[in-house]
Amino acid sequence: MEHNYPRFTLRISTTLHEKLQCTAEYNARSKNKEIEIAIKRYITDFERLHGEIKTKS
């Protein structure tokens, strides 16, 4: 199943990368899915404080 999701490069420290790997394994997720969930939580918190972010899509 192929998706046309936008892609970008993420540069993080080795320590943060290792910790991300640990949390992803603990939650039985890929690192990509772990990052996606963390971003969704961050945006939910942001919108709770500042209101909904309007997007083009």
Protein backbone atom coordinates (compact mmCIF):
# COMPACT_ATOMS: atom_id res chain seq x y z
CA MET A 1 0.00 0.00 0.00
CA GLU A 2 1.69 3.18 -1.19
CA HIS A 3 0.85 6.63 0.12
CA ASN A 4 1.75 10.04 -1.19
CA TYR A 5 2.56 11.52 2.19
CA PRO A 6 4.99 14.44 2.32
CA ARG A 7 8.51 13.46 3.36
CA PHE A 8 11.18 15.40 5.17
CA THR A 9 14.50 14.75 6.85
CA LEU A 10 14.68 15.00 10.62
CA ARG A 11 18.05 15.62 12.25
CA ILE A 12 18.23 14.76 15.95
CA SER A 13 20.97 13.93 18.41
CA THR A 14 22.13 10.35 18.86
CA THR A 15 20.82 10.36 22.43
CA LEU A 16 17.37 11.50 21.36
CA HIS A 17 17.36 8.93 18.56
CA GLU A 18 18.22 6.13 21.01
CA LYS A 19 15.49 7.27 23.41
CA LEU A 20 12.99 7.43 20.55
CA GLN A 21 13.92 3.86 19.62
CA CYS A 22 13.25 2.76 23.22
CA THR A 23 9.84 4.44 23.40
CA ALA A 24 8.83 3.07 19.99
CA GLU A 25 9.82 -0.47 20.96
CA TYR A 26 8.01 -0.15 24.30
CA ASN A 27 4.84 0.93 22.49
CA ALA A 28 5.29 -1.69 19.72
CA ARG A 29 5.49 1.00 17.04
CA SER A 30 7.91 2.09 14.37
CA LYS A 31 9.96 5.21 15.08
CA ASN A 32 8.01 6.98 12.35
CA LYS A 33 4.65 6.16 13.97
CA GLU A 34 6.01 7.16 17.39
CA ILE A 35 7.03 10.57 16.00
CA GLU A 36 3.65 10.97 14.26
CA ILE A 37 1.76 10.30 17.51
CA ALA A 38 4.01 12.69 19.45
CA ILE A 39 3.37 15.43 16.86
CA LYS A 40 -0.40 14.84 17.00
CA ARG A 41 -0.33 15.14 20.80
CA TYR A 42 1.72 18.34 20.59
CA ILE A 43 -0.69 19.89 18.08
CA THR A 44 -3.72 18.87 20.16
CA ASP A 45 -2.19 20.57 23.21
CA PHE A 46 -1.28 23.66 21.16
CA GLU A 47 -4.80 23.96 19.75
CA ARG A 48 -6.31 23.53 23.20
CA LEU A 49 -4.38 26.60 24.33
CA HIS A 50 -4.47 28.73 21.15
CA GLY A 51 -7.43 27.54 19.10
CA GLU A 52 -7.75 25.40 16.02
CA ILE A 53 -5.06 25.67 13.36
CA LYS A 54 -6.65 26.17 9.94
CA THR A 55 -5.09 24.20 7.09
CA LYS A 56 -5.45 24.21 3.31
CA SER A 57 -6.48 20.54 3.17
